[in-house]
Amino acid sequence: MLRRTWLAATLAALPCLPLAQGLPPGTVVGSATLTGIAVLDTDLDRGGSVNWAGGVASASLLRQMTPQFAAGVTLQYDYQSWSFDQPPAFGGVAPWGDILQPRVGLTFVYAPAADWRVVVSPSVAWAYESGASTGDALEYGAVVVASRVFSPTLTLGIGAAIYHQIDETKTFPFLAIDWKIGNGWRLSNPFPAGPVGGAGLELSYAFGEGWETGVGGVYRSYQFRLDRDGPAPNGIGENRAIPLFLRLSRNIGRDAYVDFHAAALVNGRLNVKNQDGNDLASDDYATAPMLGLTLRYRF
């Protein structure tokens, strides 16, 4: 799940866009993605251990309105199940359990010239532990990207994700790049940019017969409202880390793909705050091994 909360973070920047460029007005393209992850048992610095697993399902549609303008919508549902083993930093009890995050996003693409493109993607989400009040779990914001095509092999731009999470507003600037280096090599942003960080960088290599591999990294940070009856009633949980990943992908049809990810989550940290955003407890976790599998379909 590196494509939003690790493999799948999908605010939807923007799986349909590569297909939509240059299409005639009235054309509709879409994509559907299903991802599963498992983060294996990992030691906490102050004792105890943690592991979690989950999945992300998302679907996107984009319609070319005019030669210069396209608009679309994305729906996503993110689920994580956490397991703690007697963590002293959190009083020997699990600070949270099941985390849910439904999200709705819009996408607007404007091409003021043949070699320029501006993308604005606002979204709204609810991030909360099972049993928490969804009314206190609202997140909202947008991704803005401006890019220019310099050649058939190089597109460069700048972007920023600006989001209000549970108790704070964060801004993540990032470089937008798609550089076809040659001989199957490519440097690009592998992940959607969203409320948990920038789009990351990946160096990939296509070696024929529908196979591709890549290596890269990205920063991730996300918050969620805690159970009203939990150890920190109506509090705020947070997880942040830097996933360094290896990807192996295979085309299993003209429009279907499967991605396998193996990653190491480094500099991981878990935080618990009270409902007013004041720190209650925190702990770091050791480098965490993660495995992920994604199925993608474009239509």
Protein backbone atom coordinates (compact mmCIF):
# COMPACT_ATOMS: atom_id res chain seq x y z
CA MET A 1 0.00 0.00 0.00
CA LEU A 2 2.60 2.54 -0.97
CA ARG A 3 0.14 4.23 -3.19
CA ARG A 4 -1.57 5.82 -0.28
CA THR A 5 -0.84 4.92 3.14
CA TRP A 6 2.11 3.19 1.89
CA LEU A 7 1.52 1.52 -1.46
CA ALA A 8 -1.74 3.16 -2.20
CA ALA A 9 -2.30 6.54 -0.92
CA THR A 10 -4.60 7.55 -3.67
CA LEU A 11 -5.81 11.00 -3.52
CA ALA A 12 -5.94 10.25 -7.13
CA ALA A 13 -3.24 12.29 -8.64
CA LEU A 14 -4.17 10.91 -11.10
CA PRO A 15 -4.26 7.47 -12.56
CA CYS A 16 -6.30 8.36 -15.61
CA LEU A 17 -4.21 11.30 -16.80
CA PRO A 18 -1.68 9.46 -18.96
CA LEU A 19 -4.56 7.91 -20.87
CA ALA A 20 -6.52 11.12 -21.22
CA GLN A 21 -3.89 13.28 -22.89
CA GLY A 22 -4.79 14.14 -26.46
CA LEU A 23 -8.15 12.35 -26.43
CA PRO A 24 -11.10 13.90 -28.27
CA PRO A 25 -13.76 15.77 -26.25
CA GLY A 26 -16.38 13.48 -24.78
CA THR A 27 -13.95 10.61 -24.20
CA VAL A 28 -14.11 9.01 -20.74
CA VAL A 29 -11.25 6.97 -19.28
CA GLY A 30 -11.05 5.25 -15.93
CA SER A 31 -9.07 3.03 -13.61
CA ALA A 32 -9.69 0.69 -10.69
CA THR A 33 -7.09 -0.38 -8.13
CA LEU A 34 -7.07 -2.93 -5.33
CA THR A 35 -4.09 -3.12 -2.96
CA GLY A 36 -3.19 -5.27 0.02
CA ILE A 37 -0.26 -4.83 2.42
CA ALA A 38 1.32 -6.49 5.43
CA VAL A 39 3.86 -4.79 7.71
CA LEU A 40 5.63 -7.56 9.60
CA ASP A 41 6.20 -7.65 13.35
CA THR A 42 8.55 -4.81 14.31
CA ASP A 43 10.16 -3.88 17.63
CA LEU A 44 9.25 -0.63 19.37
CA ASP A 45 12.19 1.30 20.86
CA ARG A 46 10.82 1.33 24.41
CA GLY A 47 9.70 -2.29 24.34
CA GLY A 48 6.94 -4.35 22.83
CA SER A 49 6.22 -4.70 19.13
CA VAL A 50 3.75 -3.70 16.44
CA ASN A 51 2.47 -4.97 13.10
CA TRP A 52 -0.37 -4.02 10.81
CA ALA A 53 -2.08 -5.04 7.59
CA GLY A 54 -4.76 -3.59 5.38
CA GLY A 55 -6.03 -2.72 1.97
CA VAL A 56 -7.06 0.11 -0.34
CA ALA A 57 -9.76 0.06 -3.01
CA SER A 58 -10.12 2.99 -5.41
CA ALA A 59 -11.80 3.89 -8.68
CA SER A 60 -11.37 6.95 -10.93
CA LEU A 61 -13.11 8.42 -13.96
CA LEU A 62 -11.90 11.30 -16.11
CA ARG A 63 -13.80 12.98 -18.96
CA GLN A 64 -12.23 15.14 -21.65
CA MET A 65 -14.61 18.12 -21.75
CA THR A 66 -12.81 20.22 -24.38
CA PRO A 67 -9.41 19.92 -26.08
CA GLN A 68 -7.95 22.04 -23.25
CA PHE A 69 -9.96 20.85 -20.22
CA ALA A 70 -10.74 17.56 -18.48
CA ALA A 71 -12.46 16.77 -15.19
CA GLY A 72 -12.91 13.66 -13.11
CA VAL A 73 -13.75 12.05 -9.78
CA THR A 74 -12.07 9.46 -7.56
CA LEU A 75 -13.52 7.32 -4.77
CA GLN A 76 -11.27 5.50 -2.32
CA TYR A 77 -11.58 3.39 0.82
CA ASP A 78 -8.56 2.65 3.02
CA TYR A 79 -8.52 0.09 5.87
CA GLN A 80 -5.76 -0.86 8.33
CA SER A 81 -5.79 -3.35 11.20
CA TRP A 82 -3.10 -2.80 13.86
CA SER A 83 -1.78 -5.21 16.49
CA PHE A 84 0.40 -4.16 19.46
CA ASP A 85 2.20 -6.44 21.92
CA GLN A 86 2.38 -4.78 25.37
CA PRO A 87 3.89 -1.42 24.34
CA PRO A 88 5.28 0.29 27.50
CA ALA A 89 5.34 3.71 25.81
CA PHE A 90 1.53 3.57 25.56
CA GLY A 91 0.84 2.19 29.02
CA GLY A 92 1.08 -1.45 27.96
CA VAL A 93 -2.13 -1.29 25.91
CA ALA A 94 -2.76 -0.84 22.19
CA PRO A 95 -3.25 2.89 21.45
CA TRP A 96 -5.48 2.04 18.48
CA GLY A 97 -6.85 -0.90 16.46
CA ASP A 98 -8.73 -0.65 13.14
CA ILE A 99 -8.23 2.54 11.09
CA LEU A 100 -10.66 3.59 8.31
CA GLN A 101 -10.41 6.33 5.71
CA PRO A 102 -13.02 6.91 2.99
CA ARG A 103 -12.07 9.66 0.51
CA VAL A 104 -13.72 11.56 -2.35
CA GLY A 105 -11.58 13.56 -4.76
CA LEU A 106 -12.07 15.70 -7.85
CA THR A 107 -9.58 16.32 -10.64
CA PHE A 108 -9.37 19.29 -13.00
CA VAL A 109 -6.83 19.38 -15.83
CA TYR A 110 -6.19 22.47 -17.94
CA ALA A 111 -3.76 22.71 -20.86
CA PRO A 112 -3.19 26.41 -21.65
CA ALA A 113 -0.75 25.42 -24.40
CA ALA A 114 0.29 22.23 -26.15
CA ASP A 115 3.32 21.78 -23.88
CA TRP A 116 1.83 22.97 -20.56
CA ARG A 117 -0.56 21.28 -18.16
CA VAL A 118 -2.03 22.42 -14.83
CA VAL A 119 -3.72 19.91 -12.52
CA VAL A 120 -5.81 20.81 -9.47
CA SER A 121 -7.12 17.93 -7.36
CA PRO A 122 -9.15 18.82 -4.23
CA SER A 123 -10.42 16.10 -1.92
CA VAL A 124 -12.20 15.46 1.35
CA ALA A 125 -11.73 12.44 3.65
CA TRP A 126 -12.57 11.09 7.08
CA ALA A 127 -9.70 9.38 8.94
CA TYR A 128 -10.71 7.61 12.13
CA GLU A 129 -10.37 4.55 14.33
CA SER A 130 -13.38 2.25 14.52
CA GLY A 131 -15.56 3.68 17.32
CA ALA A 132 -14.44 7.29 16.80
CA SER A 133 -16.72 10.17 15.87
CA THR A 134 -16.51 10.80 12.13
CA GLY A 135 -17.62 14.37 12.74
CA ASP A 136 -14.22 15.02 14.34
CA ALA A 137 -12.24 13.14 11.68
CA LEU A 138 -12.52 15.45 8.66
CA GLU A 139 -9.52 16.10 6.39
CA TYR A 140 -9.52 18.34 3.32
CA GLY A 141 -7.15 20.02 0.92
CA ALA A 142 -5.76 19.86 -2.59
CA VAL A 143 -2.85 18.95 -4.81
CA VAL A 144 -1.72 21.49 -7.42
CA VAL A 145 0.78 20.60 -10.16
CA ALA A 146 2.08 22.66 -13.10
CA SER A 147 4.24 20.82 -15.63
CA ARG A 148 5.79 21.39 -19.05
CA VAL A 149 6.72 18.96 -21.80
CA PHE A 150 10.29 19.82 -22.84
CA SER A 151 10.70 16.91 -25.24
CA PRO A 152 9.07 13.54 -26.04
CA THR A 153 11.24 12.05 -23.28
CA LEU A 154 11.16 14.75 -20.58
CA THR A 155 8.33 16.40 -18.63
CA LEU A 156 9.16 18.57 -15.61
CA GLY A 157 7.06 20.54 -13.16
CA ILE A 158 6.48 21.60 -9.59
CA GLY A 159 3.67 20.71 -7.28
CA ALA A 160 2.39 21.05 -3.75
CA ALA A 161 -0.04 19.15 -1.55
CA ILE A 162 -1.78 21.42 0.96
CA TYR A 163 -3.95 19.61 3.50
CA HIS A 164 -5.69 20.20 6.79
CA GLN A 165 -5.36 16.99 8.77
CA ILE A 166 -7.04 16.29 12.09
CA ASP A 167 -5.32 19.05 14.09
CA GLU A 168 -2.89 20.79 11.73
CA THR A 169 -2.35 22.04 8.21
CA LYS A 170 0.59 20.63 6.27
CA THR A 171 2.20 21.63 2.98
CA PHE A 172 4.39 19.26 0.95
CA PRO A 173 6.15 20.69 -2.12
CA PHE A 174 7.51 18.19 -4.63
CA LEU A 175 9.16 17.88 -8.02
CA ALA A 176 7.00 16.45 -10.80
CA ILE A 177 9.15 14.52 -13.27
CA ASP A 178 8.78 12.00 -16.06
CA TRP A 179 12.15 11.38 -17.71
CA LYS A 180 12.55 8.54 -20.17
CA ILE A 181 16.30 8.18 -19.88
CA GLY A 182 16.58 5.56 -22.62
CA ASN A 183 17.13 1.82 -23.07
CA GLY A 184 14.14 1.06 -20.83
CA TRP A 185 15.19 3.35 -17.96
CA ARG A 186 12.83 5.96 -16.51
CA LEU A 187 12.84 8.43 -13.58
CA SER A 188 9.37 9.47 -12.42
CA ASN A 189 6.95 10.04 -9.56
CA PRO A 190 5.50 6.62 -8.78
CA PHE A 191 2.82 7.62 -6.30
CA PRO A 192 -0.10 9.97 -6.14
CA ALA A 193 0.66 13.09 -4.14
CA GLY A 194 -1.79 13.58 -1.31
CA PRO A 195 -2.33 14.62 2.27
CA VAL A 196 0.42 12.35 3.55
CA GLY A 197 3.35 13.63 1.55
CA GLY A 198 4.89 14.32 -1.80
CA ALA A 199 4.97 12.04 -4.79
CA GLY A 200 8.38 10.45 -4.18
CA LEU A 201 10.90 9.35 -6.81
CA GLU A 202 11.36 6.02 -8.55
CA LEU A 203 13.99 4.79 -10.99
CA SER A 204 12.44 2.03 -13.10
CA TYR A 205 13.56 -0.33 -15.84
CA ALA A 206 11.35 -2.09 -18.41
CA PHE A 207 13.00 -5.30 -19.55
CA GLY A 208 10.51 -6.71 -22.04
CA GLU A 209 7.67 -9.26 -22.12
CA GLY A 210 5.54 -6.88 -20.00
CA TRP A 211 7.93 -6.84 -17.02
CA GLU A 212 9.18 -3.75 -15.19
CA THR A 213 11.11 -3.19 -11.98
CA GLY A 214 11.77 -0.06 -9.94
CA VAL A 215 13.42 1.26 -6.80
CA GLY A 216 12.63 4.45 -4.91
CA GLY A 217 11.46 6.18 -1.77
CA VAL A 218 8.90 8.63 -0.36
CA TYR A 219 7.97 10.32 2.93
CA ARG A 220 4.64 9.44 4.51
CA SER A 221 2.78 10.92 7.49
CA TYR A 222 -0.90 10.58 8.36
CA GLN A 223 -3.25 11.19 11.30
CA PHE A 224 -6.59 9.76 12.43
CA ARG A 225 -9.18 10.38 15.15
CA LEU A 226 -9.12 7.81 17.97
CA ASP A 227 -11.96 5.79 19.51
CA ARG A 228 -14.15 7.80 21.89
CA ASP A 229 -13.93 4.91 24.40
CA GLY A 230 -10.25 4.07 23.86
CA PRO A 231 -7.13 4.73 25.97
CA ALA A 232 -7.02 8.33 24.64
CA PRO A 233 -10.72 9.17 24.15
CA ASN A 234 -11.30 11.26 21.00
CA GLY A 235 -7.55 11.69 20.75
CA ILE A 236 -5.35 11.74 17.64
CA GLY A 237 -3.09 8.97 16.37
CA GLU A 238 -0.25 9.48 13.93
CA ASN A 239 2.10 7.25 11.95
CA ARG A 240 5.04 8.53 9.94
CA ALA A 241 7.95 6.85 8.18
CA ILE A 242 10.09 6.84 5.04
CA PRO A 243 9.33 3.78 2.88
CA LEU A 244 12.27 2.65 0.71
CA PHE A 245 10.84 0.21 -1.80
CA LEU A 246 11.54 -2.27 -4.57
CA ARG A 247 8.79 -2.87 -7.16
CA LEU A 248 8.26 -5.67 -9.68
CA SER A 249 5.37 -5.23 -12.15
CA ARG A 250 3.83 -7.38 -14.86
CA ASN A 251 1.35 -6.55 -17.60
CA ILE A 252 -1.31 -9.30 -17.46
CA GLY A 253 -3.42 -8.01 -20.32
CA ARG A 254 -3.72 -4.97 -22.52
CA ASP A 255 -5.10 -2.87 -19.65
CA ALA A 256 -4.40 -4.94 -16.51
CA TYR A 257 -1.31 -4.90 -14.31
CA VAL A 258 -0.03 -6.50 -11.13
CA ASP A 259 2.57 -4.84 -8.87
CA PHE A 260 4.53 -6.52 -6.11
CA HIS A 261 6.29 -4.29 -3.57
CA ALA A 262 8.85 -5.08 -0.90
CA ALA A 263 9.78 -2.13 1.31
CA ALA A 264 11.65 -1.09 4.42
CA LEU A 265 9.93 1.59 6.53
CA VAL A 266 12.72 3.62 8.13
CA ASN A 267 12.60 6.40 10.74
CA GLY A 268 9.16 5.18 11.80
CA ARG A 269 7.39 6.94 14.65
CA LEU A 270 3.98 6.56 16.33
CA ASN A 271 2.34 9.44 18.24
CA VAL A 272 -0.74 9.78 20.44
CA LYS A 273 -2.26 13.19 21.24
CA ASN A 274 -5.29 14.18 23.27
CA GLN A 275 -8.37 15.62 21.58
CA ASP A 276 -6.88 19.12 21.78
CA GLY A 277 -3.71 18.08 19.91
CA ASN A 278 -1.39 17.97 22.93
CA ASP A 279 1.21 15.17 22.99
CA LEU A 280 0.47 12.25 25.31
CA ALA A 281 2.86 9.48 24.24
CA SER A 282 5.13 8.47 21.37
CA ASP A 283 7.59 5.77 20.38
CA ASP A 284 9.86 4.98 17.45
CA TYR A 285 9.83 1.64 15.71
CA ALA A 286 12.69 -0.28 14.15
CA THR A 287 13.05 -0.61 10.39
CA ALA A 288 9.85 -2.39 9.42
CA PRO A 289 9.64 -4.89 6.53
CA MET A 290 6.55 -4.52 4.36
CA LEU A 291 5.06 -6.56 1.52
CA GLY A 292 2.37 -5.31 -0.85
CA LEU A 293 0.41 -6.49 -3.88
CA THR A 294 -1.60 -4.22 -6.20
CA LEU A 295 -3.96 -5.09 -9.04
CA ARG A 296 -4.63 -2.28 -11.52
CA TYR A 297 -7.07 -2.05 -14.41
CA ARG A 298 -7.53 0.79 -16.89
CA PHE A 299 -10.49 1.24 -19.17
